[in-house]
Amino acid sequence: MRHAKDFHERRGFTYPILEGDHVIDCIYIYPGRLPGHDAEISSWVRESRAELDTAVREEFARWIHESWPFSSPSYAGRAQGAPKA
């Protein structure tokens, strides 16, 4: 519910990648907390689809660069608690 509330209040955005009915990856976009960064971006990929990790991260970075108004996003690494299966 936290991510839905953040989205509704336009304080943060969460986007899943689905494979059928299953979430296999997720990206989180929040205001930057580090000096000089206007956004903090993190993501995870399901362990069972780990081979997609690099391609998905690269595509997310391209999408952020081309479609979002950030001048200096911080890529914070992996979100904690990514599902294993």
PDB file of N, CA and C in Angstrom:
ATOM      1  N   MET A   1       0.797  -1.201   0.000  1.00  0.00           N
ATOM      2  CA  MET A   1       0.000   0.000   0.000  1.00  0.00           C
ATOM      3  C   MET A   1       0.846   1.274   0.000  1.00  0.00           C
ATOM      4  N   ARG A   2       2.061   1.199   0.567  1.00  0.00           N
ATOM      5  CA  ARG A   2       2.897   2.396   0.634  1.00  0.00           C
ATOM      6  C   ARG A   2       3.173   2.944  -0.755  1.00  0.00           C
ATOM      7  N   HIS A   3       3.548   2.076  -1.686  1.00  0.00           N
ATOM      8  CA  HIS A   3       3.893   2.554  -3.021  1.00  0.00           C
ATOM      9  C   HIS A   3       2.671   3.140  -3.728  1.00  0.00           C
ATOM     10  N   ALA A   4       1.513   2.548  -3.530  1.00  0.00           N
ATOM     11  CA  ALA A   4       0.283   3.077  -4.135  1.00  0.00           C
ATOM     12  C   ALA A   4      -0.018   4.468  -3.572  1.00  0.00           C
ATOM     13  N   LYS A   5       0.155   4.639  -2.272  1.00  0.00           N
ATOM     14  CA  LYS A   5      -0.085   5.945  -1.650  1.00  0.00           C
ATOM     15  C   LYS A   5       0.920   6.974  -2.167  1.00  0.00           C
ATOM     16  N   ASP A   6       2.189   6.592  -2.251  1.00  0.00           N
ATOM     17  CA  ASP A   6       3.208   7.502  -2.783  1.00  0.00           C
ATOM     18  C   ASP A   6       2.869   7.923  -4.204  1.00  0.00           C
ATOM     19  N   PHE A   7       2.421   6.968  -5.030  1.00  0.00           N
ATOM     20  CA  PHE A   7       2.062   7.262  -6.410  1.00  0.00           C
ATOM     21  C   PHE A   7       0.887   8.234  -6.455  1.00  0.00           C
ATOM     22  N   HIS A   8      -0.142   7.934  -5.670  1.00  0.00           N
ATOM     23  CA  HIS A   8      -1.336   8.785  -5.625  1.00  0.00           C
ATOM     24  C   HIS A   8      -0.979  10.215  -5.209  1.00  0.00           C
ATOM     25  N   GLU A   9      -0.090  10.342  -4.238  1.00  0.00           N
ATOM     26  CA  GLU A   9       0.314  11.658  -3.734  1.00  0.00           C
ATOM     27  C   GLU A   9       1.466  12.260  -4.549  1.00  0.00           C
ATOM     28  N   ARG A  10       1.892  11.561  -5.600  1.00  0.00           N
ATOM     29  CA  ARG A  10       2.969  12.010  -6.486  1.00  0.00           C
ATOM     30  C   ARG A  10       4.272  12.285  -5.730  1.00  0.00           C
ATOM     31  N   ARG A  11       4.548  11.405  -4.734  1.00  0.00           N
ATOM     32  CA  ARG A  11       5.787  11.494  -3.954  1.00  0.00           C
ATOM     33  C   ARG A  11       6.792  10.438  -4.365  1.00  0.00           C
ATOM     34  N   GLY A  12       6.364   9.453  -5.106  1.00  0.00           N
ATOM     35  CA  GLY A  12       7.238   8.373  -5.545  1.00  0.00           C
ATOM     36  C   GLY A  12       6.494   7.523  -6.558  1.00  0.00           C
ATOM     37  N   PHE A  13       7.252   6.841  -7.391  1.00  0.00           N
ATOM     38  CA  PHE A  13       6.642   6.067  -8.459  1.00  0.00           C
ATOM     39  C   PHE A  13       7.259   4.673  -8.511  1.00  0.00           C
ATOM     40  N   THR A  14       6.420   3.676  -8.686  1.00  0.00           N
ATOM     41  CA  THR A  14       6.844   2.283  -8.767  1.00  0.00           C
ATOM     42  C   THR A  14       6.276   1.694 -10.043  1.00  0.00           C
ATOM     43  N   TYR A  15       7.152   1.060 -10.817  1.00  0.00           N
ATOM     44  CA  TYR A  15       6.724   0.450 -12.075  1.00  0.00           C
ATOM     45  C   TYR A  15       7.186  -0.998 -12.117  1.00  0.00           C
ATOM     46  N   PRO A  16       6.260  -1.945 -12.262  1.00  0.00           N
ATOM     47  CA  PRO A  16       6.645  -3.358 -12.355  1.00  0.00           C
ATOM     48  C   PRO A  16       6.821  -3.787 -13.815  1.00  0.00           C
ATOM     49  N   ILE A  17       7.584  -4.844 -14.005  1.00  0.00           N
ATOM     50  CA  ILE A  17       7.613  -5.564 -15.273  1.00  0.00           C
ATOM     51  C   ILE A  17       6.925  -6.897 -14.994  1.00  0.00           C
ATOM     52  N   LEU A  18       5.937  -7.186 -15.807  1.00  0.00           N
ATOM     53  CA  LEU A  18       5.159  -8.408 -15.617  1.00  0.00           C
ATOM     54  C   LEU A  18       5.528  -9.460 -16.651  1.00  0.00           C
ATOM     55  N   GLU A  19       5.469 -10.689 -16.212  1.00  0.00           N
ATOM     56  CA  GLU A  19       5.572 -11.839 -17.101  1.00  0.00           C
ATOM     57  C   GLU A  19       4.315 -12.648 -16.800  1.00  0.00           C
ATOM     58  N   GLY A  20       3.320 -12.508 -17.668  1.00  0.00           N
ATOM     59  CA  GLY A  20       2.005 -13.065 -17.348  1.00  0.00           C
ATOM     60  C   GLY A  20       1.417 -12.285 -16.182  1.00  0.00           C
ATOM     61  N   ASP A  21       1.052 -12.989 -15.137  1.00  0.00           N
ATOM     62  CA  ASP A  21       0.503 -12.356 -13.933  1.00  0.00           C
ATOM     63  C   ASP A  21       1.553 -12.136 -12.852  1.00  0.00           C
ATOM     64  N   HIS A  22       2.818 -12.418 -13.152  1.00  0.00           N
ATOM     65  CA  HIS A  22       3.870 -12.368 -12.139  1.00  0.00           C
ATOM     66  C   HIS A  22       4.786 -11.163 -12.349  1.00  0.00           C
ATOM     67  N   VAL A  23       5.068 -10.472 -11.256  1.00  0.00           N
ATOM     68  CA  VAL A  23       6.031  -9.375 -11.287  1.00  0.00           C
ATOM     69  C   VAL A  23       7.422 -10.003 -11.280  1.00  0.00           C
ATOM     70  N   ILE A  24       8.224  -9.668 -12.298  1.00  0.00           N
ATOM     71  CA  ILE A  24       9.582 -10.211 -12.354  1.00  0.00           C
ATOM     72  C   ILE A  24      10.641  -9.145 -12.103  1.00  0.00           C
ATOM     73  N   ASP A  25      10.242  -7.888 -12.105  1.00  0.00           N
ATOM     74  CA  ASP A  25      11.175  -6.796 -11.892  1.00  0.00           C
ATOM     75  C   ASP A  25      10.370  -5.585 -11.452  1.00  0.00           C
ATOM     76  N   CYS A  26      11.024  -4.670 -10.766  1.00  0.00           N
ATOM     77  CA  CYS A  26      10.337  -3.459 -10.340  1.00  0.00           C
ATOM     78  C   CYS A  26      11.354  -2.325 -10.242  1.00  0.00           C
ATOM     79  N   ILE A  27      10.922  -1.136 -10.627  1.00  0.00           N
ATOM     80  CA  ILE A  27      11.752   0.063 -10.504  1.00  0.00           C
ATOM     81  C   ILE A  27      11.036   1.038  -9.578  1.00  0.00           C
ATOM     82  N   TYR A  28      11.820   1.712  -8.741  1.00  0.00           N
ATOM     83  CA  TYR A  28      11.303   2.700  -7.800  1.00  0.00           C
ATOM     84  C   TYR A  28      11.960   4.040  -8.106  1.00  0.00           C
ATOM     85  N   ILE A  29      11.155   5.080  -8.193  1.00  0.00           N
ATOM     86  CA  ILE A  29      11.660   6.426  -8.454  1.00  0.00           C
ATOM     87  C   ILE A  29      11.167   7.331  -7.325  1.00  0.00           C
ATOM     88  N   TYR A  30      12.118   7.901  -6.585  1.00  0.00           N
ATOM     89  CA  TYR A  30      11.788   8.766  -5.451  1.00  0.00           C
ATOM     90  C   TYR A  30      12.635  10.034  -5.522  1.00  0.00           C
ATOM     91  N   PRO A  31      12.221  11.086  -4.819  1.00  0.00           N
ATOM     92  CA  PRO A  31      13.044  12.304  -4.782  1.00  0.00           C
ATOM     93  C   PRO A  31      14.450  11.978  -4.283  1.00  0.00           C
ATOM     94  N   GLY A  32      15.428  12.659  -4.816  1.00  0.00           N
ATOM     95  CA  GLY A  32      16.810  12.429  -4.418  1.00  0.00           C
ATOM     96  C   GLY A  32      17.062  12.845  -2.982  1.00  0.00           C
ATOM     97  N   ARG A  33      17.827  12.025  -2.275  1.00  0.00           N
ATOM     98  CA  ARG A  33      18.212  12.343  -0.900  1.00  0.00           C
ATOM     99  C   ARG A  33      19.665  12.775  -0.805  1.00  0.00           C
ATOM    100  N   LEU A  34      20.435  12.485  -1.830  1.00  0.00           N
ATOM    101  CA  LEU A  34      21.851  12.853  -1.836  1.00  0.00           C
ATOM    102  C   LEU A  34      22.027  14.231  -2.456  1.00  0.00           C
ATOM    103  N   PRO A  35      22.916  15.045  -1.911  1.00  0.00           N
ATOM    104  CA  PRO A  35      23.157  16.365  -2.498  1.00  0.00           C
ATOM    105  C   PRO A  35      23.527  16.233  -3.978  1.00  0.00           C
ATOM    106  N   GLY A  36      22.955  17.098  -4.793  1.00  0.00           N
ATOM    107  CA  GLY A  36      23.266  17.115  -6.206  1.00  0.00           C
ATOM    108  C   GLY A  36      22.469  16.146  -7.061  1.00  0.00           C
ATOM    109  N   HIS A  37      21.561  15.398  -6.458  1.00  0.00           N
ATOM    110  CA  HIS A  37      20.745  14.438  -7.206  1.00  0.00           C
ATOM    111  C   HIS A  37      19.271  14.775  -7.020  1.00  0.00           C
ATOM    112  N   ASP A  38      18.556  14.849  -8.136  1.00  0.00           N
ATOM    113  CA  ASP A  38      17.141  15.206  -8.051  1.00  0.00           C
ATOM    114  C   ASP A  38      16.210  14.002  -8.030  1.00  0.00           C
ATOM    115  N   ALA A  39      16.751  12.795  -8.149  1.00  0.00           N
ATOM    116  CA  ALA A  39      15.942  11.581  -8.066  1.00  0.00           C
ATOM    117  C   ALA A  39      16.811  10.432  -7.594  1.00  0.00           C
ATOM    118  N   GLU A  40      16.178   9.480  -6.920  1.00  0.00           N
ATOM    119  CA  GLU A  40      16.848   8.256  -6.496  1.00  0.00           C
ATOM    120  C   GLU A  40      16.120   7.091  -7.153  1.00  0.00           C
ATOM    121  N   ILE A  41      16.853   6.289  -7.902  1.00  0.00           N
ATOM    122  CA  ILE A  41      16.264   5.209  -8.667  1.00  0.00           C
ATOM    123  C   ILE A  41      16.852   3.894  -8.172  1.00  0.00           C
ATOM    124  N   SER A  42      15.979   2.952  -7.864  1.00  0.00           N
ATOM    125  CA  SER A  42      16.445   1.618  -7.490  1.00  0.00           C
ATOM    126  C   SER A  42      15.541   0.588  -8.156  1.00  0.00           C
ATOM    127  N   SER A  43      16.039  -0.632  -8.225  1.00  0.00           N
ATOM    128  CA  SER A  43      15.247  -1.689  -8.857  1.00  0.00           C
ATOM    129  C   SER A  43      15.671  -3.039  -8.316  1.00  0.00           C
ATOM    130  N   TRP A  44      14.867  -4.030  -8.613  1.00  0.00           N
ATOM    131  CA  TRP A  44      15.221  -5.418  -8.326  1.00  0.00           C
ATOM    132  C   TRP A  44      14.685  -6.283  -9.458  1.00  0.00           C
ATOM    133  N   VAL A  45      15.272  -7.445  -9.612  1.00  0.00           N
ATOM    134  CA  VAL A  45      14.784  -8.439 -10.555  1.00  0.00           C
ATOM    135  C   VAL A  45      14.649  -9.755  -9.782  1.00  0.00           C
ATOM    136  N   ARG A  46      13.597 -10.471 -10.065  1.00  0.00           N
ATOM    137  CA  ARG A  46      13.337 -11.746  -9.400  1.00  0.00           C
ATOM    138  C   ARG A  46      14.502 -12.698  -9.678  1.00  0.00           C
ATOM    139  N   GLU A  47      14.930 -13.411  -8.650  1.00  0.00           N
ATOM    140  CA  GLU A  47      16.075 -14.305  -8.772  1.00  0.00           C
ATOM    141  C   GLU A  47      15.911 -15.304  -9.913  1.00  0.00           C
ATOM    142  N   SER A  48      14.698 -15.782 -10.118  1.00  0.00           N
ATOM    143  CA  SER A  48      14.458 -16.766 -11.173  1.00  0.00           C
ATOM    144  C   SER A  48      14.593 -16.180 -12.581  1.00  0.00           C
ATOM    145  N   ARG A  49      14.697 -14.855 -12.696  1.00  0.00           N
ATOM    146  CA  ARG A  49      14.867 -14.178 -13.991  1.00  0.00           C
ATOM    147  C   ARG A  49      16.124 -13.308 -13.984  1.00  0.00           C
ATOM    148  N   ALA A  50      17.100 -13.707 -13.190  1.00  0.00           N
ATOM    149  CA  ALA A  50      18.331 -12.930 -13.000  1.00  0.00           C
ATOM    150  C   ALA A  50      19.041 -12.615 -14.312  1.00  0.00           C
ATOM    151  N   GLU A  51      18.880 -13.439 -15.327  1.00  0.00           N
ATOM    152  CA  GLU A  51      19.550 -13.190 -16.606  1.00  0.00           C
ATOM    153  C   GLU A  51      19.065 -11.903 -17.268  1.00  0.00           C
ATOM    154  N   LEU A  52      17.926 -11.379 -16.836  1.00  0.00           N
ATOM    155  CA  LEU A  52      17.386 -10.138 -17.393  1.00  0.00           C
ATOM    156  C   LEU A  52      17.943  -8.885 -16.717  1.00  0.00           C
ATOM    157  N   ASP A  53      18.656  -9.042 -15.626  1.00  0.00           N
ATOM    158  CA  ASP A  53      19.047  -7.914 -14.785  1.00  0.00           C
ATOM    159  C   ASP A  53      19.762  -6.807 -15.554  1.00  0.00           C
ATOM    160  N   THR A  54      20.815  -7.113 -16.247  1.00  0.00           N
ATOM    161  CA  THR A  54      21.593  -6.072 -16.937  1.00  0.00           C
ATOM    162  C   THR A  54      20.769  -5.388 -18.020  1.00  0.00           C
ATOM    163  N   ALA A  55      20.086  -6.164 -18.838  1.00  0.00           N
ATOM    164  CA  ALA A  55      19.279  -5.581 -19.922  1.00  0.00           C
ATOM    165  C   ALA A  55      18.179  -4.683 -19.370  1.00  0.00           C
ATOM    166  N   VAL A  56      17.534  -5.115 -18.312  1.00  0.00           N
ATOM    167  CA  VAL A  56      16.451  -4.320 -17.727  1.00  0.00           C
ATOM    168  C   VAL A  56      17.001  -3.035 -17.119  1.00  0.00           C
ATOM    169  N   ARG A  57      18.110  -3.108 -16.398  1.00  0.00           N
ATOM    170  CA  ARG A  57      18.713  -1.900 -15.820  1.00  0.00           C
ATOM    171  C   ARG A  57      19.098  -0.901 -16.901  1.00  0.00           C
ATOM    172  N   GLU A  58      19.680  -1.395 -17.992  1.00  0.00           N
ATOM    173  CA  GLU A  58      20.062  -0.507 -19.085  1.00  0.00           C
ATOM    174  C   GLU A  58      18.842   0.136 -19.734  1.00  0.00           C
ATOM    175  N   GLU A  59      17.779  -0.633 -19.915  1.00  0.00           N
ATOM    176  CA  GLU A  59      16.552  -0.086 -20.511  1.00  0.00           C
ATOM    177  C   GLU A  59      15.903   0.932 -19.573  1.00  0.00           C
ATOM    178  N   PHE A  60      15.857   0.633 -18.268  1.00  0.00           N
ATOM    179  CA  PHE A  60      15.328   1.605 -17.309  1.00  0.00           C
ATOM    180  C   PHE A  60      16.129   2.899 -17.357  1.00  0.00           C
ATOM    181  N   ALA A  61      17.453   2.819 -17.393  1.00  0.00           N
ATOM    182  CA  ALA A  61      18.292   4.026 -17.430  1.00  0.00           C
ATOM    183  C   ALA A  61      18.004   4.838 -18.693  1.00  0.00           C
ATOM    184  N   ARG A  62      17.855   4.168 -19.830  1.00  0.00           N
ATOM    185  CA  ARG A  62      17.532   4.863 -21.075  1.00  0.00           C
ATOM    186  C   ARG A  62      16.178   5.548 -20.958  1.00  0.00           C
ATOM    187  N   TRP A  63      15.173   4.831 -20.423  1.00  0.00           N
ATOM    188  CA  TRP A  63      13.820   5.377 -20.255  1.00  0.00           C
ATOM    189  C   TRP A  63      13.840   6.588 -19.325  1.00  0.00           C
ATOM    190  N   ILE A  64      14.555   6.495 -18.217  1.00  0.00           N
ATOM    191  CA  ILE A  64      14.653   7.627 -17.284  1.00  0.00           C
ATOM    192  C   ILE A  64      15.278   8.822 -17.997  1.00  0.00           C
ATOM    193  N   HIS A  65      16.365   8.589 -18.705  1.00  0.00           N
ATOM    194  CA  HIS A  65      17.071   9.675 -19.399  1.00  0.00           C
ATOM    195  C   HIS A  65      16.184  10.337 -20.460  1.00  0.00           C
ATOM    196  N   GLU A  66      15.460   9.541 -21.233  1.00  0.00           N
ATOM    197  CA  GLU A  66      14.672  10.068 -22.341  1.00  0.00           C
ATOM    198  C   GLU A  66      13.299  10.604 -21.947  1.00  0.00           C
ATOM    199  N   SER A  67      12.702  10.077 -20.874  1.00  0.00           N
ATOM    200  CA  SER A  67      11.297  10.367 -20.596  1.00  0.00           C
ATOM    201  C   SER A  67      11.025  11.124 -19.310  1.00  0.00           C
ATOM    202  N   TRP A  68      12.011  11.272 -18.452  1.00  0.00           N
ATOM    203  CA  TRP A  68      11.796  11.936 -17.172  1.00  0.00           C
ATOM    204  C   TRP A  68      12.591  13.237 -17.135  1.00  0.00           C
ATOM    205  N   PRO A  69      12.137  14.214 -16.359  1.00  0.00           N
ATOM    206  CA  PRO A  69      12.786  15.535 -16.359  1.00  0.00           C
ATOM    207  C   PRO A  69      13.944  15.674 -15.371  1.00  0.00           C
ATOM    208  N   PHE A  70      14.616  14.586 -15.033  1.00  0.00           N
ATOM    209  CA  PHE A  70      15.695  14.663 -14.050  1.00  0.00           C
ATOM    210  C   PHE A  70      16.989  15.127 -14.708  1.00  0.00           C
ATOM    211  N   SER A  71      17.736  15.954 -13.984  1.00  0.00           N
ATOM    212  CA  SER A  71      19.027  16.394 -14.503  1.00  0.00           C
ATOM    213  C   SER A  71      20.171  15.555 -13.940  1.00  0.00           C
ATOM    214  N   SER A  72      19.964  14.973 -12.754  1.00  0.00           N
ATOM    215  CA  SER A  72      21.047  14.214 -12.131  1.00  0.00           C
ATOM    216  C   SER A  72      20.493  13.111 -11.224  1.00  0.00           C
ATOM    217  N   PRO A  73      19.920  12.056 -11.809  1.00  0.00           N
ATOM    218  CA  PRO A  73      19.403  10.980 -10.960  1.00  0.00           C
ATOM    219  C   PRO A  73      20.534  10.154 -10.347  1.00  0.00           C
ATOM    220  N   SER A  74      20.265   9.620  -9.174  1.00  0.00           N
ATOM    221  CA  SER A  74      21.183   8.714  -8.497  1.00  0.00           C
ATOM    222  C   SER A  74      20.630   7.304  -8.654  1.00  0.00           C
ATOM    223  N   TYR A  75      21.457   6.392  -9.144  1.00  0.00           N
ATOM    224  CA  TYR A  75      21.041   4.996  -9.262  1.00  0.00           C
ATOM    225  C   TYR A  75      21.517   4.292  -8.013  1.00  0.00           C
ATOM    226  N   ALA A  76      20.576   4.100  -7.101  1.00  0.00           N
ATOM    227  CA  ALA A  76      20.882   3.655  -5.744  1.00  0.00           C
ATOM    228  C   ALA A  76      21.156   2.164  -5.624  1.00  0.00           C
ATOM    229  N   GLY A  77      21.119   1.435  -6.711  1.00  0.00           N
ATOM    230  CA  GLY A  77      21.383   0.008  -6.606  1.00  0.00           C
ATOM    231  C   GLY A  77      20.110  -0.779  -6.416  1.00  0.00           C
ATOM    232  N   ARG A  78      20.250  -1.894  -5.824  1.00  0.00           N
ATOM    233  CA  ARG A  78      19.137  -2.829  -5.670  1.00  0.00           C
ATOM    234  C   ARG A  78      18.282  -2.500  -4.465  1.00  0.00           C
ATOM    235  N   ALA A  79      16.978  -2.599  -4.628  1.00  0.00           N
ATOM    236  CA  ALA A  79      16.054  -2.466  -3.504  1.00  0.00           C
ATOM    237  C   ALA A  79      16.177  -3.726  -2.644  1.00  0.00           C
ATOM    238  N   GLN A  80      15.968  -3.583  -1.381  1.00  0.00           N
ATOM    239  CA  GLN A  80      16.055  -4.725  -0.475  1.00  0.00           C
ATOM    240  C   GLN A  80      14.791  -5.565  -0.548  1.00  0.00           C
ATOM    241  N   GLY A  81      14.943  -6.863  -0.358  1.00  0.00           N
ATOM    242  CA  GLY A  81      13.793  -7.753  -0.251  1.00  0.00           C
ATOM    243  C   GLY A  81      13.212  -8.207  -1.572  1.00  0.00           C
ATOM    244  N   ALA A  82      13.991  -8.265  -2.620  1.00  0.00           N
ATOM    245  CA  ALA A  82      13.471  -8.753  -3.897  1.00  0.00           C
ATOM    246  C   ALA A  82      13.075 -10.216  -3.779  1.00  0.00           C
ATOM    247  N   PRO A  83      11.931 -10.590  -4.311  1.00  0.00           N
ATOM    248  CA  PRO A  83      11.471 -11.982  -4.221  1.00  0.00           C
ATOM    249  C   PRO A  83      12.419 -12.943  -4.899  1.00  0.00           C
ATOM    250  N   LYS A  84      12.472 -14.163  -4.385  1.00  0.00           N
ATOM    251  CA  LYS A  84      13.357 -15.185  -4.939  1.00  0.00           C
ATOM    252  C   LYS A  84      12.678 -16.023  -5.999  1.00  0.00           C
ATOM    253  N   ALA A  85      11.386 -16.154  -5.955  1.00  0.00           N
ATOM    254  CA  ALA A  85      10.714 -17.040  -6.936  1.00  0.00           C
ATOM    255  C   ALA A  85       9.469 -16.411  -7.467  1.00  0.00           C
TER     256      ALA A  85
END
